[in-house]
Amino acid sequence: METIHILVVSDNQEVVDSINEMLSTDSGTMVRYHVELEAMYDSALRSLVRNRYDVYLIDQIVPGSEVTGIELIKKANAGGCRSPILLLTDESDEDIVGYIDDSGAAGHINKKLDFHKRTFCNAIRLAIKRNEDVADVQGQIEDLQRSVSALIHAFNRRG
């Protein structure tokens, strides 16, 4: 059974309880979710840049800080976070989607609309899959760059 490690950055216990309930493993499920909570900004940023979790769920209102979830995502990505980050928000898609794209987040989950087990689990799996696909493409690009460099080097040697 696969285990997906998730860090939730929030100080809203109801949100965390809802997430744990939605991600509880049912019989016959091939995925188990291990959810941890981080309720302080500084600790959350350290965890994000250390890449210890498979996916991060960050509340739009970051506890222990005047920084928004969007700003935390930007700082985490600039600091080297490579795992997918989903923003937890109450805002409508139209209000938040531009900010999410600019932040480098993998997407968002609307706490009013998307807190259903199937939708929530699919959002997490899709974010992880997208992240894996991006890493694969980046690896292929690096391989192609090495091949082109080798060909250029061989061509230059032959004159």
Protein backbone atom coordinates (compact mmCIF):
# COMPACT_ATOMS: atom_id res chain seq x y z
CA MET A 1 0.00 0.00 0.00
CA GLU A 2 1.34 3.42 -0.97
CA THR A 3 1.56 6.10 1.72
CA ILE A 4 1.23 9.76 0.76
CA HIS A 5 2.71 12.13 3.33
CA ILE A 6 0.84 15.43 3.59
CA LEU A 7 1.64 18.55 5.59
CA VAL A 8 -1.29 20.86 6.31
CA VAL A 9 -0.37 24.43 7.20
CA SER A 10 -3.34 25.78 9.13
CA ASP A 11 -4.47 26.73 12.59
CA ASN A 12 -8.09 25.85 11.88
CA GLN A 13 -8.68 22.54 13.66
CA GLU A 14 -12.03 22.03 11.88
CA VAL A 15 -10.25 22.13 8.52
CA VAL A 16 -7.64 19.65 9.72
CA ASP A 17 -10.32 17.34 11.15
CA SER A 18 -12.23 17.46 7.85
CA ILE A 19 -9.07 16.63 5.91
CA ASN A 20 -8.25 13.70 8.19
CA GLU A 21 -11.81 12.40 7.86
CA MET A 22 -11.77 12.67 4.06
CA LEU A 23 -8.39 10.99 3.79
CA SER A 24 -9.10 8.13 6.17
CA THR A 25 -8.30 4.88 4.42
CA ASP A 26 -11.24 2.78 3.35
CA SER A 27 -10.95 -0.96 2.91
CA GLY A 28 -9.86 -1.81 -0.61
CA THR A 29 -8.04 1.50 -1.05
CA MET A 30 -4.51 1.28 -2.42
CA VAL A 31 -3.40 4.58 -0.84
CA ARG A 32 -2.93 5.51 2.78
CA TYR A 33 -2.58 9.16 3.77
CA HIS A 34 -0.38 10.33 6.61
CA VAL A 35 -1.40 13.87 7.57
CA GLU A 36 0.60 16.16 9.80
CA LEU A 37 -0.24 19.66 10.94
CA GLU A 38 2.01 22.69 11.10
CA ALA A 39 0.43 25.70 12.75
CA MET A 40 3.30 28.21 12.59
CA TYR A 41 4.72 30.08 9.59
CA ASP A 42 8.45 29.71 10.33
CA SER A 43 8.22 25.96 10.90
CA ALA A 44 6.03 25.55 7.85
CA LEU A 45 8.51 27.35 5.59
CA ARG A 46 11.35 25.17 6.89
CA SER A 47 9.31 22.03 6.17
CA LEU A 48 8.40 23.21 2.68
CA VAL A 49 11.98 23.87 1.59
CA ARG A 50 13.20 20.56 3.06
CA ASN A 51 10.84 18.63 0.73
CA ARG A 52 9.96 16.00 3.32
CA TYR A 53 6.33 15.59 2.27
CA ASP A 54 4.68 14.38 -0.92
CA VAL A 55 2.22 17.28 -1.01
CA TYR A 56 1.53 20.42 1.00
CA LEU A 57 -1.88 21.94 1.77
CA ILE A 58 -1.54 25.57 2.78
CA ASP A 59 -4.39 27.60 4.18
CA GLN A 60 -4.84 31.03 2.58
CA ILE A 61 -4.47 32.53 6.06
CA VAL A 62 -1.09 31.42 7.39
CA PRO A 63 -0.96 31.06 11.16
CA GLY A 64 1.66 32.98 13.11
CA SER A 65 2.30 35.45 10.29
CA GLU A 66 0.93 38.37 8.35
CA VAL A 67 1.96 36.54 5.18
CA THR A 68 -0.78 35.00 3.01
CA GLY A 69 -0.75 31.43 1.77
CA ILE A 70 0.15 32.73 -1.71
CA GLU A 71 3.19 34.56 -0.31
CA LEU A 72 4.28 31.46 1.63
CA ILE A 73 4.03 29.38 -1.55
CA LYS A 74 6.19 31.88 -3.45
CA LYS A 75 8.82 31.86 -0.67
CA ALA A 76 8.78 28.06 -0.49
CA ASN A 77 9.27 27.69 -4.24
CA ALA A 78 12.04 30.29 -4.24
CA GLY A 79 13.66 28.38 -1.36
CA GLY A 80 13.72 25.09 -3.27
CA CYS A 81 10.40 23.36 -2.55
CA ARG A 82 9.84 20.75 -5.25
CA SER A 83 6.74 19.00 -3.93
CA PRO A 84 3.31 20.13 -5.11
CA ILE A 85 1.52 22.75 -3.04
CA LEU A 86 -2.24 23.18 -2.99
CA LEU A 87 -3.80 26.33 -1.54
CA LEU A 88 -6.81 25.87 0.75
CA THR A 89 -9.15 28.80 0.22
CA ASP A 90 -12.71 30.03 0.68
CA GLU A 91 -12.48 32.29 -2.35
CA SER A 92 -14.13 31.57 -5.69
CA ASP A 93 -12.12 30.26 -8.62
CA GLU A 94 -12.46 33.58 -10.43
CA ASP A 95 -11.06 35.53 -7.48
CA ILE A 96 -8.03 33.35 -6.78
CA VAL A 97 -6.94 31.54 -9.96
CA GLY A 98 -4.66 34.35 -11.24
CA TYR A 99 -2.86 34.57 -7.92
CA ILE A 100 -2.41 30.81 -7.79
CA ASP A 101 -0.86 30.67 -11.25
CA ASP A 102 1.61 33.41 -10.31
CA SER A 103 2.55 31.72 -7.03
CA GLY A 104 3.72 28.42 -8.48
CA ALA A 105 1.07 26.43 -6.64
CA ALA A 106 -0.09 23.19 -8.22
CA GLY A 107 -3.68 24.31 -7.71
CA HIS A 108 -6.22 25.07 -5.05
CA ILE A 109 -8.97 23.43 -3.09
CA ASN A 110 -12.02 25.47 -2.25
CA LYS A 111 -12.99 24.64 1.33
CA LYS A 112 -16.64 25.41 0.60
CA LEU A 113 -16.96 23.42 -2.62
CA ASP A 114 -14.23 20.79 -2.82
CA PHE A 115 -14.35 19.21 0.64
CA HIS A 116 -15.75 15.93 -0.61
CA LYS A 117 -13.65 12.80 -0.28
CA ARG A 118 -13.46 11.90 -3.97
CA THR A 119 -12.79 15.48 -5.16
CA PHE A 120 -10.24 16.08 -2.43
CA CYS A 121 -8.33 12.83 -3.00
CA ASN A 122 -8.36 13.39 -6.77
CA ALA A 123 -6.94 16.89 -6.33
CA ILE A 124 -4.08 15.50 -4.25
CA ARG A 125 -3.34 12.63 -6.65
CA LEU A 126 -3.48 14.94 -9.68
CA ALA A 127 -1.10 17.43 -8.05
CA ILE A 128 1.38 14.65 -7.29
CA LYS A 129 1.04 13.17 -10.80
CA ARG A 130 1.51 16.58 -12.42
CA ASN A 131 4.61 17.16 -10.30
CA GLU A 132 6.04 13.77 -11.35
CA ASP A 133 5.29 14.53 -15.01
CA VAL A 134 7.05 17.90 -14.79
CA ALA A 135 10.09 16.26 -13.19
CA ASP A 136 10.16 13.63 -15.97
CA VAL A 137 10.01 16.29 -18.67
CA GLN A 138 12.75 18.29 -16.96
CA GLY A 139 14.91 15.14 -16.89
CA GLN A 140 14.27 14.55 -20.59
CA ILE A 141 15.23 18.15 -21.37
CA GLU A 142 18.47 17.74 -19.41
CA ASP A 143 19.23 14.51 -21.32
CA LEU A 144 18.61 16.26 -24.64
CA GLN A 145 20.83 19.18 -23.62
CA ARG A 146 23.65 16.75 -22.78
CA SER A 147 23.20 14.97 -26.11
CA VAL A 148 23.25 18.24 -28.05
CA SER A 149 26.37 19.37 -26.18
CA ALA A 150 28.11 16.08 -26.96
CA LEU A 151 27.17 16.37 -30.64
CA ILE A 152 28.40 19.95 -30.81
CA HIS A 153 31.63 18.96 -29.09
CA ALA A 154 32.15 16.03 -31.53
CA PHE A 155 31.37 18.27 -34.52
CA ASN A 156 33.82 20.94 -33.34
CA ARG A 157 36.57 18.34 -32.85
CA ARG A 158 36.15 17.08 -36.40
CA GLY A 159 36.32 20.62 -37.72
